[in-house]
Protein backbone atom coordinates (compact mmCIF):
# COMPACT_ATOMS: atom_id res chain seq x y z
CA MET A 1 -59.92 5.32 -25.74
CA THR A 2 -56.39 5.98 -27.60
CA THR A 3 -53.84 2.93 -27.23
CA ARG A 4 -50.37 4.18 -26.26
CA PRO A 5 -47.99 4.45 -28.52
CA ASP A 6 -45.85 0.84 -28.63
CA ARG A 7 -42.53 2.08 -28.83
CA SER A 8 -40.54 -1.22 -28.68
CA GLY A 9 -40.71 -1.97 -32.58
CA GLN A 10 -41.76 -5.23 -32.05
CA PRO A 11 -44.59 -6.99 -34.25
CA TRP A 12 -48.05 -7.88 -33.44
CA ALA A 13 -49.54 -11.52 -34.93
CA SER A 14 -52.98 -12.91 -35.28
CA ILE A 15 -54.28 -16.22 -36.59
CA ASP A 16 -57.73 -16.47 -37.39
CA ILE A 17 -58.83 -20.13 -37.93
CA GLY A 18 -61.87 -19.78 -40.15
CA SER A 19 -64.25 -22.50 -41.57
CA ASN A 20 -63.04 -21.38 -44.95
CA SER A 21 -59.77 -20.14 -44.53
CA PHE A 22 -56.45 -19.67 -42.08
CA ARG A 23 -55.21 -16.11 -42.11
CA LEU A 24 -52.18 -14.87 -40.39
CA GLU A 25 -51.26 -11.39 -39.93
CA LEU A 26 -48.01 -9.52 -38.72
CA ALA A 27 -48.22 -5.40 -37.71
CA ARG A 28 -47.04 -2.77 -35.83
CA LEU A 29 -48.88 -0.39 -33.61
CA SER A 30 -48.30 2.70 -32.74
CA GLY A 31 -51.26 4.74 -30.96
CA ASP A 32 -53.67 4.86 -33.96
CA ARG A 33 -51.49 4.04 -36.44
CA TYR A 34 -51.70 0.27 -37.80
CA GLN A 35 -48.92 -0.54 -40.06
CA ARG A 36 -49.40 -4.19 -41.88
CA ILE A 37 -45.96 -6.23 -42.15
CA SER A 38 -47.08 -9.51 -44.00
CA TYR A 39 -50.41 -10.88 -44.56
CA ILE A 40 -51.06 -14.70 -45.36
CA LYS A 41 -53.97 -16.61 -46.38
CA GLU A 42 -54.26 -20.45 -47.31
CA SER A 43 -58.08 -21.59 -48.17
CA VAL A 44 -58.45 -24.63 -45.79
CA ARG A 45 -62.12 -25.12 -46.23
CA LEU A 46 -62.16 -26.68 -42.43
CA GLY A 47 -65.80 -26.49 -42.30
CA ALA A 48 -66.25 -28.72 -45.24
CA GLY A 49 -64.45 -31.30 -43.15
CA LEU A 50 -67.30 -31.43 -40.36
CA ASP A 51 -69.10 -34.41 -41.51
CA GLU A 52 -72.54 -35.84 -40.47
CA HIS A 53 -72.12 -36.62 -37.00
CA GLY A 54 -70.53 -33.09 -36.12
CA MET A 55 -67.09 -34.63 -36.21
CA LEU A 56 -64.16 -33.14 -38.04
CA THR A 57 -62.20 -35.65 -40.76
CA GLU A 58 -58.89 -36.30 -40.38
CA ALA A 59 -58.20 -35.12 -43.95
CA ALA A 60 -59.48 -31.59 -42.84
CA MET A 61 -57.71 -31.81 -39.68
CA GLN A 62 -54.59 -32.64 -41.40
CA ARG A 63 -55.20 -29.55 -43.57
CA GLY A 64 -55.03 -27.19 -41.14
CA LEU A 65 -52.35 -28.52 -39.35
CA ASP A 66 -50.40 -28.52 -42.08
CA CYS A 67 -51.22 -24.62 -42.59
CA LEU A 68 -50.54 -24.20 -38.87
CA GLN A 69 -47.14 -25.35 -38.93
CA ALA A 70 -46.22 -23.44 -41.87
CA PHE A 71 -47.55 -20.35 -39.84
CA GLY A 72 -45.76 -21.36 -37.12
CA GLU A 73 -42.26 -21.06 -38.81
CA GLN A 74 -43.80 -17.43 -39.67
CA LEU A 75 -44.08 -16.53 -35.90
CA VAL A 76 -40.20 -17.31 -35.11
CA GLY A 77 -38.97 -14.04 -33.37
CA VAL A 78 -42.59 -12.60 -32.19
CA PRO A 79 -42.99 -12.71 -28.48
CA ARG A 80 -45.37 -14.91 -27.12
CA GLU A 81 -47.28 -12.56 -25.70
CA ARG A 82 -48.11 -10.61 -28.98
CA VAL A 83 -49.58 -13.51 -30.44
CA ARG A 84 -53.15 -14.74 -30.46
CA ALA A 85 -55.15 -17.40 -32.47
CA VAL A 86 -58.35 -17.61 -32.39
CA ALA A 87 -60.75 -20.33 -33.62
CA THR A 88 -64.82 -19.76 -35.16
CA GLN A 89 -68.00 -21.26 -36.13
CA THR A 90 -66.49 -24.68 -37.16
CA LEU A 91 -64.41 -25.08 -34.36
CA ARG A 92 -68.01 -24.03 -32.19
CA GLU A 93 -69.47 -26.72 -33.89
CA ALA A 94 -66.87 -29.62 -33.52
CA ARG A 95 -67.55 -32.63 -31.21
CA ASN A 96 -63.94 -33.43 -31.67
CA ARG A 97 -62.62 -30.09 -31.73
CA ASN A 98 -60.44 -30.72 -28.31
CA ALA A 99 -58.23 -33.30 -29.77
CA PHE A 100 -58.10 -30.86 -32.89
CA LEU A 101 -57.20 -27.73 -30.84
CA ALA A 102 -54.08 -30.27 -28.81
CA ARG A 103 -52.69 -30.99 -32.18
CA ALA A 104 -53.43 -27.26 -33.68
CA GLU A 105 -51.34 -26.01 -30.17
CA ALA A 106 -48.25 -28.38 -31.08
CA ALA A 107 -48.43 -27.28 -34.90
CA LEU A 108 -48.57 -23.75 -34.46
CA GLY A 109 -46.23 -23.32 -31.31
CA HIS A 110 -49.37 -21.07 -29.70
CA PRO A 111 -52.38 -22.21 -27.79
CA VAL A 112 -55.54 -21.90 -30.16
CA GLU A 113 -58.73 -20.01 -28.39
CA VAL A 114 -62.14 -20.96 -29.59
CA ILE A 115 -64.64 -17.66 -29.23
CA SER A 116 -68.50 -17.31 -29.57
CA GLY A 117 -69.67 -15.78 -32.35
CA ARG A 118 -70.44 -12.88 -30.39
CA GLU A 119 -67.12 -12.24 -29.37
CA GLU A 120 -66.29 -12.69 -32.90
CA ALA A 121 -68.38 -9.74 -34.19
CA ARG A 122 -67.14 -7.49 -31.26
CA LEU A 123 -63.81 -8.34 -32.38
CA ILE A 124 -64.73 -7.92 -36.25
CA PHE A 125 -65.96 -4.22 -35.39
CA ALA A 126 -63.10 -3.44 -33.45
CA GLY A 127 -61.02 -3.88 -36.67
CA VAL A 128 -63.71 -2.35 -38.66
CA ALA A 129 -64.03 1.01 -36.11
CA ARG A 130 -60.06 1.59 -36.20
CA LEU A 131 -58.84 0.77 -39.62
CA GLN A 132 -61.74 2.56 -40.75
CA PRO A 133 -62.98 5.26 -38.38
CA SER A 134 -66.65 7.20 -38.23
CA ASP A 135 -69.09 8.57 -35.98
CA LYS A 136 -72.12 7.56 -38.07
CA PRO A 137 -74.44 4.59 -36.66
CA ARG A 138 -73.37 1.92 -38.69
CA LEU A 139 -73.93 -1.63 -39.53
CA VAL A 140 -71.15 -4.10 -40.12
CA ILE A 141 -71.93 -7.51 -41.94
CA ASP A 142 -69.34 -10.46 -41.98
CA ILE A 143 -70.09 -13.43 -43.94
CA GLY A 144 -67.61 -16.45 -42.93
CA GLY A 145 -67.55 -19.96 -44.28
CA ARG A 146 -70.16 -21.15 -41.61
CA SER A 147 -71.70 -17.93 -39.94
CA THR A 148 -72.59 -14.44 -40.28
CA GLU A 149 -71.74 -11.78 -38.12
CA MET A 150 -74.13 -8.59 -37.80
CA ILE A 151 -73.03 -5.78 -35.46
CA LEU A 152 -74.85 -2.13 -35.08
CA GLY A 153 -72.12 0.14 -33.56
CA ARG A 154 -71.35 3.99 -33.60
CA GLY A 155 -67.66 5.20 -33.11
CA ARG A 156 -65.71 2.31 -31.51
CA LYS A 157 -68.53 1.25 -29.49
CA PRO A 158 -70.27 -2.08 -30.59
CA LEU A 159 -73.88 -1.48 -29.80
CA LEU A 160 -75.00 -4.93 -30.39
CA ALA A 161 -73.43 -8.23 -31.91
CA GLU A 162 -74.89 -11.34 -32.60
CA SER A 163 -74.26 -14.37 -35.07
CA PHE A 164 -75.95 -16.63 -36.97
CA GLY A 165 -75.60 -20.05 -38.10
CA VAL A 166 -75.12 -19.71 -41.61
CA GLY A 167 -72.01 -19.26 -43.89
CA SER A 168 -71.06 -19.63 -47.40
CA VAL A 169 -69.41 -23.13 -47.09
CA GLY A 170 -72.36 -24.72 -45.02
CA LEU A 171 -75.16 -23.29 -47.65
CA SER A 172 -72.57 -23.96 -50.52
CA MET A 173 -72.49 -27.92 -49.12
CA ARG A 174 -76.22 -28.01 -48.57
CA PHE A 175 -77.39 -26.17 -51.85
CA PHE A 176 -74.93 -26.57 -54.31
CA ALA A 177 -72.87 -29.71 -53.27
CA ASP A 178 -73.22 -31.35 -56.87
CA GLY A 179 -71.39 -28.54 -58.57
CA LEU A 180 -74.58 -27.15 -60.65
CA TYR A 181 -76.55 -24.29 -60.56
CA THR A 182 -80.10 -23.93 -61.03
CA GLU A 183 -82.97 -21.31 -59.94
CA GLU A 184 -84.55 -23.91 -57.50
CA ALA A 185 -80.85 -24.49 -55.77
CA PHE A 186 -80.79 -20.85 -55.63
CA ARG A 187 -84.04 -20.36 -54.28
CA ALA A 188 -83.82 -22.75 -51.84
CA ALA A 189 -80.96 -21.13 -50.53
CA GLN A 190 -82.53 -18.12 -50.44
CA VAL A 191 -84.80 -19.20 -48.55
CA ALA A 192 -82.65 -20.93 -45.99
CA ALA A 193 -80.75 -17.89 -45.79
CA GLY A 194 -84.07 -15.75 -44.71
CA ALA A 195 -85.24 -18.01 -42.14
CA GLU A 196 -81.81 -18.14 -40.10
CA LEU A 197 -81.39 -14.37 -40.58
CA GLU A 198 -85.56 -13.40 -40.03
CA GLU A 199 -84.90 -13.03 -36.21
CA ALA A 200 -82.42 -10.24 -37.12
CA LEU A 201 -84.88 -8.03 -39.07
CA THR A 202 -86.20 -6.30 -35.49
CA LEU A 203 -82.60 -5.97 -34.51
CA PHE A 204 -80.81 -4.51 -37.52
CA ARG A 205 -83.40 -2.67 -39.01
CA PRO A 206 -82.49 0.35 -41.53
CA GLU A 207 -83.49 3.38 -39.09
CA LEU A 208 -80.96 2.12 -36.76
CA TRP A 209 -77.91 2.61 -38.94
CA GLN A 210 -76.73 5.13 -41.74
CA GLU A 211 -74.02 2.99 -43.30
CA ALA A 212 -73.28 -0.66 -44.51
CA LEU A 213 -70.13 -2.15 -44.37
CA GLY A 214 -69.09 -5.39 -45.52
CA SER A 215 -65.74 -7.59 -44.07
CA SER A 216 -63.66 -10.20 -44.71
CA GLY A 217 -64.01 -13.29 -47.22
CA THR A 218 -67.18 -13.37 -48.76
CA VAL A 219 -67.80 -9.54 -49.44
CA GLY A 220 -64.35 -9.23 -50.38
CA ALA A 221 -64.43 -11.88 -52.95
CA VAL A 222 -67.81 -10.28 -54.27
CA SER A 223 -66.70 -7.37 -54.70
CA GLN A 224 -63.32 -8.28 -56.45
CA ILE A 225 -65.68 -9.80 -59.08
CA LEU A 226 -67.85 -6.36 -59.32
CA ALA A 227 -65.06 -4.47 -59.86
CA ALA A 228 -63.21 -6.23 -62.09
CA THR A 229 -66.04 -6.94 -64.18
CA GLY A 230 -67.12 -2.96 -64.04
CA GLN A 231 -70.80 -3.94 -63.01
CA THR A 232 -69.64 -1.07 -59.77
CA ASP A 233 -66.62 0.41 -58.20
CA GLY A 234 -66.58 -2.74 -55.73
CA ARG A 235 -69.60 -1.71 -53.98
CA ILE A 236 -72.50 -4.23 -53.67
CA THR A 237 -75.82 -3.57 -54.65
CA PRO A 238 -78.92 -5.97 -55.48
CA ASP A 239 -78.98 -5.37 -59.02
CA ALA A 240 -75.15 -6.25 -58.99
CA LEU A 241 -75.68 -9.60 -57.22
CA ARG A 242 -78.71 -10.22 -59.37
CA TRP A 243 -76.12 -10.00 -62.18
CA CYS A 244 -73.77 -12.10 -60.43
CA ILE A 245 -76.47 -14.85 -59.86
CA ALA A 246 -77.51 -14.42 -63.83
CA GLN A 247 -73.86 -15.54 -64.56
CA CYS A 248 -73.93 -18.15 -62.49
CA LEU A 249 -77.29 -19.61 -64.22
CA ALA A 250 -75.72 -19.12 -67.42
CA ALA A 251 -72.81 -21.10 -66.90
CA GLY A 252 -74.83 -24.04 -65.55
CA SER A 253 -72.22 -25.26 -62.83
CA GLN A 254 -69.42 -23.63 -60.80
CA ASP A 255 -66.45 -25.86 -63.40
CA LYS A 256 -67.77 -23.80 -66.31
CA LEU A 257 -68.32 -20.44 -64.45
CA GLN A 258 -65.64 -17.96 -65.91
CA VAL A 259 -66.22 -14.26 -64.40
CA ALA A 260 -63.24 -11.84 -64.14
CA GLY A 261 -61.99 -11.48 -60.76
CA LEU A 262 -63.18 -14.90 -59.44
CA LYS A 263 -60.13 -16.76 -58.03
CA ASP A 264 -60.23 -20.10 -57.96
CA ASP A 265 -60.75 -20.74 -54.02
CA ARG A 266 -63.63 -19.08 -53.82
CA ARG A 267 -65.20 -20.69 -56.74
CA PRO A 268 -66.76 -23.77 -54.37
CA VAL A 269 -67.95 -21.26 -51.93
CA VAL A 270 -69.14 -18.57 -54.11
CA ALA A 271 -72.98 -19.15 -54.70
CA GLY A 272 -73.82 -19.42 -51.31
CA GLY A 273 -71.96 -16.34 -50.41
CA LEU A 274 -73.96 -14.59 -53.38
CA CYS A 275 -77.13 -16.04 -51.88
CA ILE A 276 -76.71 -14.69 -48.35
CA LEU A 277 -75.65 -11.25 -49.86
CA TYR A 278 -78.82 -10.99 -51.25
CA THR A 279 -80.62 -12.15 -48.80
CA LEU A 280 -79.52 -9.69 -46.40
CA LEU A 281 -79.47 -6.36 -48.90
CA ALA A 282 -83.24 -7.72 -49.86
CA GLN A 283 -84.46 -8.65 -46.23
CA PHE A 284 -82.76 -5.38 -44.21
CA GLY A 285 -83.07 -2.61 -47.11
CA ILE A 286 -79.24 -2.46 -48.13
CA LYS A 287 -79.13 -0.40 -50.98
CA GLU A 288 -75.26 -0.97 -51.21
CA LEU A 289 -72.74 -2.49 -48.88
CA LEU A 290 -69.31 -0.97 -48.76
CA PRO A 291 -66.35 -3.47 -48.58
CA THR A 292 -64.33 -2.24 -45.41
CA LYS A 293 -60.74 -2.59 -44.23
CA GLY A 294 -60.48 -4.01 -41.52
CA ALA A 295 -62.03 -7.72 -39.66
CA LEU A 296 -61.47 -10.16 -37.44
CA ARG A 297 -57.70 -10.62 -37.65
CA GLN A 298 -56.74 -6.91 -36.94
CA GLY A 299 -59.60 -6.73 -34.24
CA VAL A 300 -57.75 -9.57 -32.47
CA ILE A 301 -54.59 -7.35 -32.88
CA PHE A 302 -56.24 -4.53 -31.56
CA ASP A 303 -57.90 -6.10 -28.69
CA LEU A 304 -54.64 -8.11 -27.57
CA ALA A 305 -52.72 -4.37 -27.42
CA GLU A 306 -55.46 -3.47 -25.08
CA ARG A 307 -54.93 -6.21 -23.00
CA LEU A 308 -51.20 -5.25 -22.64
CA GLN A 309 -52.04 -1.99 -21.54
CA PRO A 310 -50.23 -1.28 -17.96
CA ARG A 311 -52.60 -2.59 -15.42
CA GLY A 312 -54.58 -4.01 -18.20
CA ALA A 313 -56.58 -0.57 -18.18
CA GLN A 314 -58.69 -1.17 -21.43
CA ASP A 315 -59.16 -4.94 -20.85
CA PRO A 316 -62.70 -5.73 -22.04
CA ARG A 317 -62.73 -8.77 -19.74
CA ALA A 318 -62.58 -6.46 -16.59
CA GLY A 319 -65.65 -4.87 -17.88
CA SER A 320 -67.76 -8.47 -18.72
CA VAL A 321 -66.57 -9.57 -15.17
CA THR A 322 -68.21 -6.31 -13.46
CA GLU A 323 -71.31 -6.66 -15.56
CA LEU A 324 -71.84 -10.40 -14.93
CA GLN A 325 -71.61 -9.31 -10.83
CA GLU A 326 -74.29 -6.79 -11.57
CA ARG A 327 -76.14 -9.08 -13.37
CA PHE A 328 -76.11 -11.83 -10.77
CA GLY A 329 -76.28 -9.81 -7.99
CA VAL A 330 -72.90 -10.89 -6.67
CA ASP A 331 -71.85 -9.86 -3.07
CA THR A 332 -68.95 -7.74 -4.37
CA ALA A 333 -67.11 -6.78 -0.85
CA GLN A 334 -67.27 -10.72 -0.62
CA ALA A 335 -65.71 -11.54 -3.64
CA GLU A 336 -63.17 -8.79 -3.28
CA ARG A 337 -61.93 -10.27 0.04
CA VAL A 338 -61.78 -13.57 -1.60
CA ALA A 339 -59.80 -12.22 -4.58
CA ALA A 340 -57.14 -10.73 -2.26
CA GLN A 341 -56.67 -13.59 -0.12
CA ALA A 342 -56.61 -15.88 -2.85
CA ASP A 343 -53.62 -13.05 -4.58
CA LYS A 344 -51.97 -13.27 -1.98
CA LEU A 345 -51.71 -16.86 -1.30
CA TYR A 346 -50.79 -17.18 -5.21
CA ARG A 347 -48.04 -15.22 -5.01
CA GLN A 348 -46.59 -17.33 -2.08
CA LEU A 349 -47.31 -20.27 -3.96
CA VAL A 350 -45.81 -19.22 -7.42
CA ARG A 351 -42.48 -17.35 -7.33
CA LYS A 352 -42.92 -15.55 -10.76
CA PRO A 353 -46.32 -15.58 -11.44
CA SER A 354 -47.75 -15.10 -14.82
CA PRO A 355 -49.87 -11.80 -15.10
CA GLU A 356 -52.22 -13.59 -17.17
CA LEU A 357 -52.84 -16.31 -14.61
CA GLN A 358 -52.95 -14.01 -12.53
CA ARG A 359 -55.77 -12.22 -13.75
CA GLU A 360 -57.60 -15.60 -14.47
CA LEU A 361 -57.50 -15.98 -10.44
CA HIS A 362 -58.88 -12.88 -9.92
CA TRP A 363 -61.84 -12.98 -12.35
CA ALA A 364 -62.62 -16.53 -11.05
CA ALA A 365 -62.87 -14.91 -7.60
CA ALA A 366 -64.95 -12.26 -8.69
CA LEU A 367 -67.45 -14.58 -10.69
CA HIS A 368 -67.23 -17.62 -7.74
CA GLU A 369 -70.28 -16.86 -6.62
CA VAL A 370 -72.48 -15.99 -9.13
CA GLY A 371 -74.60 -19.24 -9.06
CA MET A 372 -75.87 -18.05 -5.64
CA LEU A 373 -78.78 -16.28 -7.74
CA VAL A 374 -80.11 -19.46 -8.97
CA SER A 375 -79.53 -21.51 -5.09
CA HIS A 376 -77.77 -21.47 -2.43
CA HIS A 377 -77.85 -25.33 -2.41
CA ASP A 378 -74.41 -26.28 -4.56
CA HIS A 379 -73.78 -23.03 -5.75
CA HIS A 380 -70.50 -23.52 -6.78
CA ARG A 381 -72.20 -26.05 -9.56
CA HIS A 382 -74.42 -23.22 -10.67
CA SER A 383 -71.54 -20.58 -10.78
CA ALA A 384 -69.58 -23.29 -13.10
CA TYR A 385 -72.62 -23.55 -15.66
CA VAL A 386 -73.55 -20.49 -15.76
CA ILE A 387 -69.48 -18.77 -16.38
CA ALA A 388 -69.27 -21.86 -19.05
CA HIS A 389 -72.03 -20.71 -20.97
CA VAL A 390 -72.51 -17.33 -20.76
CA ASP A 391 -71.38 -14.53 -23.74
CA ALA A 392 -68.59 -12.51 -22.23
CA ALA A 393 -66.88 -9.68 -24.13
CA GLY A 394 -63.34 -10.60 -24.27
CA PHE A 395 -62.78 -13.97 -23.53
CA SER A 396 -62.54 -17.21 -25.53
CA THR A 397 -64.68 -20.22 -24.63
CA ASN A 398 -61.12 -21.70 -23.70
CA GLN A 399 -60.98 -19.25 -20.87
CA LEU A 400 -64.26 -19.10 -19.51
CA GLN A 401 -64.04 -23.12 -19.44
CA ARG A 402 -61.08 -22.46 -17.58
CA LEU A 403 -62.71 -19.95 -15.11
CA ALA A 404 -65.35 -22.62 -15.10
CA ALA A 405 -63.79 -25.20 -13.89
CA LEU A 406 -62.20 -22.66 -10.71
CA ALA A 407 -65.57 -22.00 -9.77
CA LEU A 408 -66.56 -25.81 -9.65
CA GLY A 409 -63.53 -26.48 -7.64
CA GLN A 410 -63.55 -23.68 -5.04
CA ARG A 411 -65.40 -25.97 -2.61
CA GLY A 412 -66.36 -29.63 -1.58
CA GLY A 413 -64.85 -33.22 -2.84
CA LEU A 414 -61.86 -32.80 -5.19
CA ARG A 415 -62.73 -36.06 -7.38
CA LYS A 416 -64.75 -34.06 -9.62
CA MET A 417 -61.65 -32.25 -10.83
CA GLU A 418 -59.69 -35.45 -11.10
CA ALA A 419 -59.07 -34.25 -15.11
CA GLN A 420 -58.16 -30.53 -14.18
CA LEU A 421 -55.43 -31.72 -11.73
CA ALA A 422 -53.05 -32.36 -13.84
CA ASP A 423 -52.96 -29.10 -15.19
CA ALA A 424 -50.57 -27.47 -12.93
CA SER A 425 -50.98 -24.08 -13.40
CA LEU A 426 -54.91 -24.73 -12.71
CA LEU A 427 -53.72 -26.57 -9.90
CA ASP A 428 -52.33 -23.55 -8.29
CA GLN A 429 -54.89 -21.51 -9.04
CA LEU A 430 -57.18 -23.65 -7.37
CA ILE A 431 -55.43 -24.22 -4.18
CA ALA A 432 -55.07 -20.56 -3.93
CA LEU A 433 -58.86 -19.95 -4.57
CA ARG A 434 -60.11 -23.11 -2.42
CA LEU A 435 -58.07 -22.13 0.62
CA ALA A 436 -58.97 -18.35 0.59
CA VAL A 437 -62.75 -19.19 0.18
CA ILE A 438 -62.23 -21.12 3.47
CA LEU A 439 -60.43 -17.93 5.01
CA CYS A 440 -62.92 -15.67 4.29
CA HIS A 441 -66.07 -17.94 5.32
CA ALA A 442 -67.45 -15.81 7.68
CA ARG A 443 -67.49 -13.22 5.01
CA THR A 444 -65.85 -10.03 7.03
CA PRO A 445 -62.68 -8.76 6.79
CA VAL A 446 -59.60 -11.29 7.10
CA ALA A 447 -57.63 -10.61 10.13
CA VAL A 448 -54.19 -8.64 8.78
CA ALA A 449 -52.17 -11.55 10.26
CA ALA A 450 -53.48 -14.35 7.92
CA PRO A 451 -51.73 -17.74 7.30
CA ARG A 452 -48.58 -18.12 5.05
CA LEU A 453 -48.18 -20.87 2.24
CA GLU A 454 -44.96 -22.44 1.87
CA ARG A 455 -44.10 -25.12 -1.03
CA ASP A 456 -41.56 -27.86 -0.53
CA GLY A 457 -42.28 -29.98 -3.83
CA LYS A 458 -45.84 -31.86 -3.40
CA GLN A 459 -45.71 -30.70 0.19
CA LEU A 460 -47.69 -27.47 1.46
CA THR A 461 -47.54 -26.18 4.83
CA LEU A 462 -50.17 -23.48 5.63
CA HIS A 463 -48.63 -21.53 8.70
CA CYS A 464 -51.06 -20.31 10.71
CA PRO A 465 -50.38 -17.08 13.29
CA LYS A 466 -49.51 -17.85 16.52
CA SER A 467 -52.07 -14.91 17.46
CA TRP A 468 -55.02 -16.82 16.13
CA SER A 469 -57.01 -17.69 19.04
CA GLY A 470 -59.99 -20.04 19.72
CA GLU A 471 -62.21 -17.50 18.09
CA GLN A 472 -60.89 -19.07 14.89
CA ALA A 473 -61.59 -22.90 15.42
CA ARG A 474 -64.11 -22.82 12.75
CA THR A 475 -61.47 -21.86 10.48
CA ARG A 476 -59.36 -24.55 11.58
CA PHE A 477 -61.61 -27.08 11.29
CA LEU A 478 -62.62 -26.15 7.55
CA LEU A 479 -58.85 -26.33 7.15
CA LYS A 480 -58.17 -29.78 8.50
CA GLU A 481 -61.26 -30.94 5.99
CA GLU A 482 -59.19 -29.12 3.22
CA ALA A 483 -56.37 -30.97 4.27
CA GLU A 484 -58.11 -34.21 4.07
CA ALA A 485 -59.77 -33.71 1.06
CA TRP A 486 -55.95 -32.97 -0.74
CA ALA A 487 -55.06 -36.16 0.76
CA ARG A 488 -57.58 -38.46 -0.74
CA THR A 489 -56.50 -37.14 -4.52
CA GLY A 490 -52.84 -37.92 -3.93
CA VAL A 491 -52.00 -35.12 -5.86
CA LEU A 492 -50.01 -33.13 -2.83
CA ALA A 493 -50.37 -33.19 1.14
CA LEU A 494 -51.05 -30.02 2.92
CA LEU A 495 -50.22 -29.39 6.54
CA VAL A 496 -52.00 -26.71 8.53
CA ALA A 497 -49.20 -25.69 11.06
């Protein structure tokens, strides 16, 4: 599908918080035309700051925060809805990521979303497919600092996307931490990379694709070396990689490695990157890997633009929700009743609701019963677990955690939601969802004359229509219990009138 021309002239911005480098891209879109305004890349090596306990060190965090603050200064004047910051493998791993994310948002001036490996792969392919279009079945590879993404796709459609836990920073730290280059270290690193990537051999076997493309840092760095030294025109081949490894062994250490095209910020991680590349080409029968224009940061911009199309017509998250409903056998009629009722209540509760928060509430309602497939008993807990841990195209892990919180809080006591109730925007969504679930508890269409919700500070009043008769006695009973549950929290008072 073609994105509608953006006639506003306003820029789009993406921030890629990678394990090795942080990148900021500003661009304009006009239909299928992509015009870069500016691009900034900083070597932060956040992934090198993970200690043996999986915690980011303060020094690594501070390097990242300093970079994000500088990026934030470049974003002045860019509309907030046109900015998206995503973080990848290091923050997927870091046990103290939430502490860093809070500080990162303050430094950047925008929220930072952690995306899953498969979502990262999907966005990488979106960038490649738009900037380097082709109808050929293709394999796209992106070697990052702590993960490697592989995508099989055709046209603009990714057919298979996977992420593997091996990257240039992690492998270099493990096998070349002392900066020395030996045949034993290269051999051991290649074996380790091969073990991690071996499970992909069947999924991405050569007969499934006609061309192989490489995206982002490691591929770009090696391609520059090969072009600068005249080994190739920039394409990466097994022979060219063997030449690169031979240069490393001849130098004996990263400090003594003198190769045209090698930038200083790549020096500490080049050996690990070469080992992954050589392993990939050898195992997957890749005769040549072509560097590509597109990458994660462009994919983020294209994806964000599609989200903001009228009515979210191309938002991949809507498709993911429908797919999950089908996979978990959700009663879609009930889900739609709850979603419609929740939306009415939410708009009564919030005068000028954010479209994104409205979409979140709708998706939470659409998925609130996915846990029924596991068990009817405590299905809200099963729903929350499934949503929090599923791979869903378009969603960041942050947003899935938010939807999971709403699913968990849809019913029952509110003590389990104590921490989340401090978030005013989530609190409003939760109130609307809980009341909608009660009003739709009979799994039949809600009466035309539905209750109306009013807010006066911390006092909420649910006005029940006078036309309600004794047949709504069960609903009134559930609403009375709901009022008591909120009274116990001290957060607000709910009056059923």
